[in-house]
Protein backbone atom coordinates (compact mmCIF):
# COMPACT_ATOMS: atom_id res chain seq x y z
CA MET A 1 -28.13 -2.65 13.87
CA ILE A 2 -27.68 -1.31 10.31
CA ILE A 3 -30.34 -2.30 7.79
CA ASN A 4 -29.45 -1.92 4.12
CA SER A 5 -31.93 -0.02 1.99
CA PRO A 6 -33.44 -1.64 -1.13
CA THR A 7 -31.28 0.67 -3.23
CA ALA A 8 -28.10 -0.44 -1.44
CA ASP A 9 -29.08 -4.11 -1.84
CA LYS A 10 -29.66 -3.56 -5.55
CA GLU A 11 -26.27 -1.88 -5.94
CA ASN A 12 -24.56 -4.69 -4.03
CA LEU A 13 -26.21 -7.26 -6.29
CA LEU A 14 -25.19 -5.35 -9.42
CA GLY A 15 -21.65 -4.92 -8.12
CA SER A 16 -21.43 -8.64 -7.39
CA ILE A 17 -22.54 -9.45 -10.94
CA TRP A 18 -19.87 -7.13 -12.35
CA MET A 19 -17.26 -8.81 -10.14
CA ILE A 20 -18.24 -12.32 -11.22
CA ALA A 21 -18.14 -11.23 -14.87
CA ALA A 22 -14.69 -9.71 -14.34
CA MET A 23 -13.34 -12.90 -12.78
CA ALA A 24 -14.79 -15.00 -15.62
CA PHE A 25 -13.06 -12.85 -18.24
CA PHE A 26 -9.76 -12.86 -16.32
CA ALA A 27 -9.90 -16.68 -16.32
CA ILE A 28 -10.67 -16.70 -20.04
CA GLU A 29 -7.71 -14.37 -20.64
CA ASP A 30 -5.43 -16.76 -18.74
CA ALA A 31 -6.66 -19.76 -20.72
CA LEU A 32 -6.18 -18.01 -24.07
CA ILE A 33 -2.63 -16.94 -23.17
CA LYS A 34 -1.84 -20.49 -22.10
CA VAL A 35 -3.05 -21.76 -25.47
CA VAL A 36 -0.99 -19.20 -27.41
CA SER A 37 2.13 -19.95 -25.31
CA GLY A 38 2.43 -23.25 -27.14
CA ALA A 39 2.74 -21.49 -30.50
CA MET A 40 5.06 -18.52 -29.92
CA PRO A 41 7.71 -17.18 -27.48
CA ILE A 42 6.53 -15.80 -24.15
CA ALA A 43 8.24 -12.45 -24.77
CA GLN A 44 6.39 -12.01 -28.05
CA ILE A 45 3.07 -12.85 -26.38
CA LEU A 46 3.67 -10.24 -23.68
CA ILE A 47 4.63 -7.54 -26.17
CA LEU A 48 1.69 -8.16 -28.51
CA PHE A 49 -0.79 -8.57 -25.63
CA GLY A 50 0.47 -5.44 -23.90
CA ALA A 51 0.38 -3.41 -27.11
CA GLY A 52 -3.19 -4.47 -27.84
CA GLY A 53 -4.43 -3.60 -24.36
CA ALA A 54 -2.54 -0.28 -24.31
CA LEU A 55 -4.11 0.74 -27.62
CA VAL A 56 -7.61 -0.09 -26.37
CA PHE A 57 -7.20 1.89 -23.15
CA ALA A 58 -5.57 4.79 -25.02
CA PHE A 59 -8.61 4.89 -27.29
CA MET A 60 -10.93 4.83 -24.26
CA ALA A 61 -8.99 7.69 -22.65
CA ARG A 62 -9.22 9.67 -25.88
CA LEU A 63 -12.99 9.16 -26.00
CA ASN A 64 -13.29 10.41 -22.42
CA LYS A 65 -10.92 13.31 -23.19
CA GLU A 66 -8.51 12.11 -20.49
CA PRO A 67 -4.84 13.03 -21.04
CA LEU A 68 -2.43 10.09 -20.90
CA PHE A 69 0.69 12.12 -20.17
CA ILE A 70 0.42 14.20 -17.01
CA SER A 71 2.90 14.83 -14.20
CA ASP A 72 1.15 12.42 -11.79
CA VAL A 73 2.11 9.53 -14.08
CA LEU A 74 5.70 9.97 -12.89
CA SER A 75 4.81 10.08 -9.18
CA PRO A 76 6.73 7.65 -6.90
CA PRO A 77 3.69 5.37 -6.34
CA MET A 78 3.21 5.02 -10.10
CA ARG A 79 6.88 4.18 -10.62
CA ILE A 80 6.64 1.50 -7.95
CA ARG A 81 3.38 0.27 -9.46
CA VAL A 82 5.00 -0.22 -12.87
CA VAL A 83 7.88 -2.23 -11.39
CA PHE A 84 5.52 -4.59 -9.57
CA GLU A 85 3.22 -4.77 -12.60
CA ILE A 86 6.15 -5.94 -14.74
CA ALA A 87 7.13 -8.58 -12.19
CA GLY A 88 3.57 -9.77 -11.62
CA ARG A 89 2.63 -10.03 -15.28
CA LEU A 90 5.90 -11.62 -16.42
CA PHE A 91 6.07 -14.34 -13.79
CA TYR A 92 2.34 -15.10 -13.84
CA VAL A 93 2.32 -15.50 -17.63
CA LEU A 94 5.35 -17.79 -17.30
CA ALA A 95 3.47 -19.74 -14.64
CA ILE A 96 0.27 -20.28 -16.60
CA SER A 97 2.30 -21.35 -19.64
CA LEU A 98 4.43 -23.89 -17.73
CA ILE A 99 2.23 -25.26 -14.91
CA PRO A 100 -1.44 -26.28 -14.77
CA LEU A 101 -3.79 -23.31 -15.12
CA SER A 102 -5.78 -24.47 -12.10
CA ALA A 103 -2.68 -24.48 -9.86
CA ALA A 104 -1.57 -21.00 -10.97
CA THR A 105 -5.10 -19.65 -10.44
CA VAL A 106 -5.33 -21.07 -6.93
CA ILE A 107 -1.96 -19.59 -5.93
CA LEU A 108 -3.04 -16.20 -7.29
CA GLN A 109 -5.96 -16.16 -4.85
CA ALA A 110 -3.49 -15.54 -2.02
CA THR A 111 -2.93 -12.00 -3.37
CA PRO A 112 -5.55 -10.35 -1.08
CA LEU A 113 -3.88 -11.97 1.95
CA VAL A 114 -0.54 -10.43 1.04
CA VAL A 115 -2.22 -7.08 0.34
CA VAL A 116 -3.76 -7.02 3.83
CA ALA A 117 -0.40 -7.87 5.41
CA GLY A 118 1.33 -5.21 3.31
CA ALA A 119 -1.30 -2.59 4.20
CA ALA A 120 -0.64 -3.25 7.88
CA LEU A 121 3.14 -3.07 7.53
CA LEU A 122 3.38 -0.19 5.04
CA PHE A 123 0.28 1.94 5.67
CA GLY A 124 -0.21 1.27 9.38
CA GLU A 125 -3.71 -0.17 8.89
CA THR A 126 -5.07 -2.03 11.90
CA VAL A 127 -4.86 -5.81 11.53
CA GLY A 128 -5.66 -7.77 14.69
CA TRP A 129 -4.32 -11.16 15.68
CA ARG A 130 -7.31 -12.95 14.15
CA ARG A 131 -6.61 -11.56 10.69
CA TRP A 132 -2.87 -12.17 11.07
CA THR A 133 -3.71 -15.78 11.93
CA ALA A 134 -5.92 -16.01 8.84
CA ILE A 135 -3.10 -14.63 6.68
CA ILE A 136 -0.70 -17.26 8.01
CA ILE A 137 -3.26 -20.03 7.47
CA GLY A 138 -3.86 -18.85 3.91
CA LEU A 139 -0.15 -18.86 3.15
CA VAL A 140 0.08 -22.35 4.63
CA GLY A 141 -2.59 -23.27 2.10
CA VAL A 142 -0.26 -22.08 -0.69
CA VAL A 143 2.54 -24.25 0.75
CA ILE A 144 0.18 -27.25 0.75
CA ILE A 145 -0.69 -26.60 -2.91
CA ILE A 146 2.93 -26.52 -4.12
CA GLN A 147 3.96 -29.42 -1.81
CA PRO A 148 7.65 -28.59 -1.31
CA GLY A 149 9.86 -31.57 -0.45
CA THR A 150 7.60 -34.10 -2.14
CA GLU A 151 7.72 -35.82 -5.53
CA SER A 152 4.78 -33.68 -6.64
CA PHE A 153 6.69 -30.44 -6.06
CA SER A 154 7.54 -28.42 -9.16
CA VAL A 155 10.01 -25.59 -8.85
CA LEU A 156 8.01 -23.87 -11.58
CA SER A 157 5.26 -23.23 -9.01
CA ILE A 158 7.54 -20.55 -7.58
CA LEU A 159 6.86 -18.54 -10.74
CA ALA A 160 3.19 -18.26 -9.74
CA ILE A 161 4.18 -17.24 -6.20
CA ILE A 162 6.50 -14.49 -7.49
CA GLY A 163 3.73 -13.34 -9.82
CA MET A 164 1.30 -13.27 -6.92
CA PHE A 165 3.66 -11.09 -4.85
CA GLY A 166 4.11 -8.84 -7.88
CA PHE A 167 0.36 -8.30 -8.18
CA ALA A 168 0.11 -7.68 -4.43
CA GLY A 169 2.80 -5.00 -4.65
CA ARG A 170 1.02 -3.47 -7.65
CA ASP A 171 -2.24 -3.33 -5.69
CA LEU A 172 -0.58 -1.69 -2.69
CA ALA A 173 1.05 0.91 -4.94
CA SER A 174 -2.33 1.54 -6.58
CA ARG A 175 -3.75 2.56 -3.20
CA ALA A 176 -1.17 5.35 -3.05
CA ALA A 177 -1.51 6.39 -6.71
CA PRO A 178 -2.82 9.93 -7.36
CA LEU A 179 -6.62 10.11 -7.63
CA SER A 180 -6.24 12.22 -10.76
CA LEU A 181 -5.38 9.09 -12.73
CA SER A 182 -8.50 7.49 -14.20
CA THR A 183 -9.19 3.82 -14.83
CA SER A 184 -8.32 4.22 -18.52
CA VAL A 185 -4.99 5.87 -17.71
CA LEU A 186 -4.09 3.25 -15.11
CA GLY A 187 -5.11 0.52 -17.55
CA PHE A 188 -2.98 2.07 -20.31
CA TYR A 189 0.16 2.15 -18.19
CA GLY A 190 -0.59 -1.30 -16.81
CA PHE A 191 -0.50 -2.72 -20.34
CA VAL A 192 2.56 -0.61 -21.25
CA ALA A 193 4.28 -2.33 -18.33
CA ILE A 194 3.44 -5.68 -19.97
CA ILE A 195 5.23 -4.52 -23.14
CA VAL A 196 8.28 -3.62 -21.04
CA ALA A 197 8.11 -7.01 -19.33
CA GLY A 198 8.11 -8.73 -22.71
CA ALA A 199 11.01 -6.64 -24.00
CA MET A 200 13.06 -7.41 -20.88
CA PHE A 201 12.30 -11.11 -21.02
CA SER A 202 13.19 -11.28 -24.73
CA ILE A 203 16.80 -10.44 -23.78
CA TRP A 204 16.91 -13.48 -21.51
CA GLU A 205 14.76 -15.78 -23.65
CA ARG A 206 16.65 -15.07 -26.87
CA ALA A 207 13.91 -16.69 -28.90
CA THR A 208 13.29 -15.67 -32.49
CA PHE A 209 10.00 -13.87 -32.92
CA MET A 210 7.70 -15.48 -35.42
CA ARG A 211 4.84 -14.39 -37.61
CA PRO A 212 1.67 -15.56 -35.80
CA ASP A 213 -0.68 -17.70 -37.82
CA PRO A 214 -4.32 -16.53 -38.16
CA GLN A 215 -5.43 -18.77 -35.28
CA SER A 216 -2.79 -17.34 -32.93
CA TRP A 217 -3.78 -13.79 -33.91
CA LEU A 218 -7.37 -14.66 -33.13
CA TYR A 219 -6.46 -16.05 -29.71
CA LEU A 220 -4.32 -13.01 -28.91
CA LEU A 221 -7.07 -10.61 -29.96
CA ALA A 222 -9.57 -12.53 -27.85
CA ALA A 223 -7.14 -12.43 -24.88
CA VAL A 224 -6.74 -8.66 -25.21
CA LEU A 225 -10.50 -8.09 -25.41
CA ALA A 226 -11.06 -10.43 -22.44
CA GLY A 227 -8.39 -8.62 -20.41
CA VAL A 228 -9.78 -5.17 -21.16
CA ALA A 229 -13.34 -6.31 -20.42
CA ALA A 230 -12.23 -7.94 -17.17
CA TYR A 231 -10.37 -4.82 -16.03
CA SER A 232 -13.31 -2.58 -16.91
CA PHE A 233 -15.82 -4.85 -15.18
CA LEU A 234 -13.59 -4.97 -12.11
CA MET A 235 -13.54 -1.18 -11.91
CA LYS A 236 -17.35 -1.10 -12.28
CA ALA A 237 -17.67 -3.68 -9.50
CA MET A 238 -15.45 -1.76 -7.11
CA ARG A 239 -17.45 1.41 -7.72
CA THR A 240 -20.89 -0.17 -7.37
CA GLY A 241 -22.23 -1.21 -3.97
CA ASP A 242 -20.25 -1.80 -0.79
CA VAL A 243 -16.67 -2.95 -1.28
CA SER A 244 -17.02 -5.48 1.55
CA SER A 245 -20.08 -6.99 -0.17
CA VAL A 246 -18.60 -7.12 -3.65
CA THR A 247 -14.99 -8.14 -3.00
CA PRO A 248 -15.67 -11.74 -1.80
CA PHE A 249 -16.84 -12.59 -5.30
CA ARG A 250 -13.23 -12.22 -6.49
CA TYR A 251 -12.82 -15.83 -5.44
CA THR A 252 -15.11 -16.99 -8.23
CA ARG A 253 -12.02 -16.67 -10.43
CA LEU A 254 -10.77 -19.82 -8.73
CA LEU A 255 -13.87 -21.71 -9.87
CA PHE A 256 -13.58 -20.42 -13.44
CA GLY A 257 -9.84 -21.11 -13.59
CA ILE A 258 -10.16 -24.65 -12.28
CA ALA A 259 -13.09 -25.38 -14.59
CA LEU A 260 -11.20 -24.15 -17.67
CA GLY A 261 -8.10 -26.08 -16.64
CA VAL A 262 -10.03 -29.31 -16.29
CA VAL A 263 -12.22 -28.91 -19.39
CA LEU A 264 -9.74 -27.39 -21.86
CA PHE A 265 -6.41 -28.81 -20.71
CA GLY A 266 -7.43 -32.06 -19.02
CA GLU A 267 -5.89 -31.07 -15.68
CA GLN A 268 -6.39 -33.23 -12.60
CA LEU A 269 -7.32 -31.98 -9.14
CA ASN A 270 -5.58 -33.64 -6.21
CA LEU A 271 -6.28 -33.59 -2.49
CA ALA A 272 -3.47 -31.14 -1.75
CA MET A 273 -4.89 -28.58 -4.18
CA LEU A 274 -8.40 -28.94 -2.80
CA VAL A 275 -7.23 -28.59 0.82
CA GLY A 276 -4.87 -25.72 0.03
CA SER A 277 -7.41 -23.77 -2.03
CA THR A 278 -10.00 -24.21 0.73
CA LEU A 279 -7.59 -22.71 3.28
CA VAL A 280 -6.71 -19.80 0.98
CA VAL A 281 -10.31 -18.93 0.16
CA ALA A 282 -11.59 -19.42 3.71
CA SER A 283 -8.80 -17.20 5.06
CA GLY A 284 -9.53 -14.49 2.51
CA LEU A 285 -13.25 -14.51 3.22
CA PHE A 286 -12.61 -14.39 6.97
CA ILE A 287 -10.33 -11.36 6.54
CA LEU A 288 -12.99 -9.61 4.45
CA TRP A 289 -15.63 -10.41 7.08
CA ARG A 290 -13.42 -9.07 9.87
CA GLY A 291 -12.75 -5.95 7.82
CA LYS A 292 -16.48 -5.44 7.33
CA SER A 293 -17.34 -5.93 11.00
CA GLY A 294 -14.36 -3.93 12.28
CA SER A 295 -13.58 -0.26 12.10
CA VAL A 296 -11.04 -0.54 9.31
CA PRO A 297 -12.02 -2.17 6.02
CA ALA A 298 -9.77 -4.67 4.33
CA PRO A 299 -7.87 -3.42 1.28
CA THR A 300 -9.55 -3.98 -2.05
CA PRO A 301 -6.93 -4.96 -4.62
CA GLN A 302 -7.25 -4.54 -8.34
CA ASP A 303 -6.40 -7.36 -10.65
């Protein structure tokens, strides 16, 4: 039997706090973007948000004397990562602007399930029948949430599902990204991908860009700062304590997202969402527990 030392317990506690803080700020970022989506085109939001985050991470890289333009940036995993980042960000922003924030947040929590399945199929990681069963149950939970074939079904929920698969692909590509790329560099190119997503969507949206009013600028600035803080806290969490002890606290984002949806936007929770979210979270936690008790740890996705 392995007994954790007091130092390890302290690091796990600190890592868990960082993770909870990261999830809180990610939820705040989502809420702020949802608010701004009612005042300006989605493409413009993506471009301005991406530019703000890219500038912040470029400044952080400069402070740490980390070069932004090195050969590893063009490696195949990074190219794949950018493609999935564009898809994930674009469709998830569309989702949170068009469907309840609580519903989009719950669907996003299936990302770790897809990452585990992808790690098994692409990287040959060992995933036994118990974890495969948990993955299937979690995905069934997503189906229960969107309720296809019923009057409550909204085709717009598919946007959140596509966004979720985009983030899962981004996380899998991140596992294969060169170790020479720091958090600041990865963050910079992640936000550059958001700019590209906005530029691409502007061609389809064909909406006239507008001059944001002071309130919209304030919300956008707050969203950028929340996103950068969340990403930085997430990296601190994943580098403090045991991954298997810290990762389960990713699911606190669901609590923050639902709370903000109910309080700020007056959203209603129904039985299907409660049952579906319970299946998704329970499946994810079971997979993490199996990864901790088994010989091969479960993948630890970034947000």
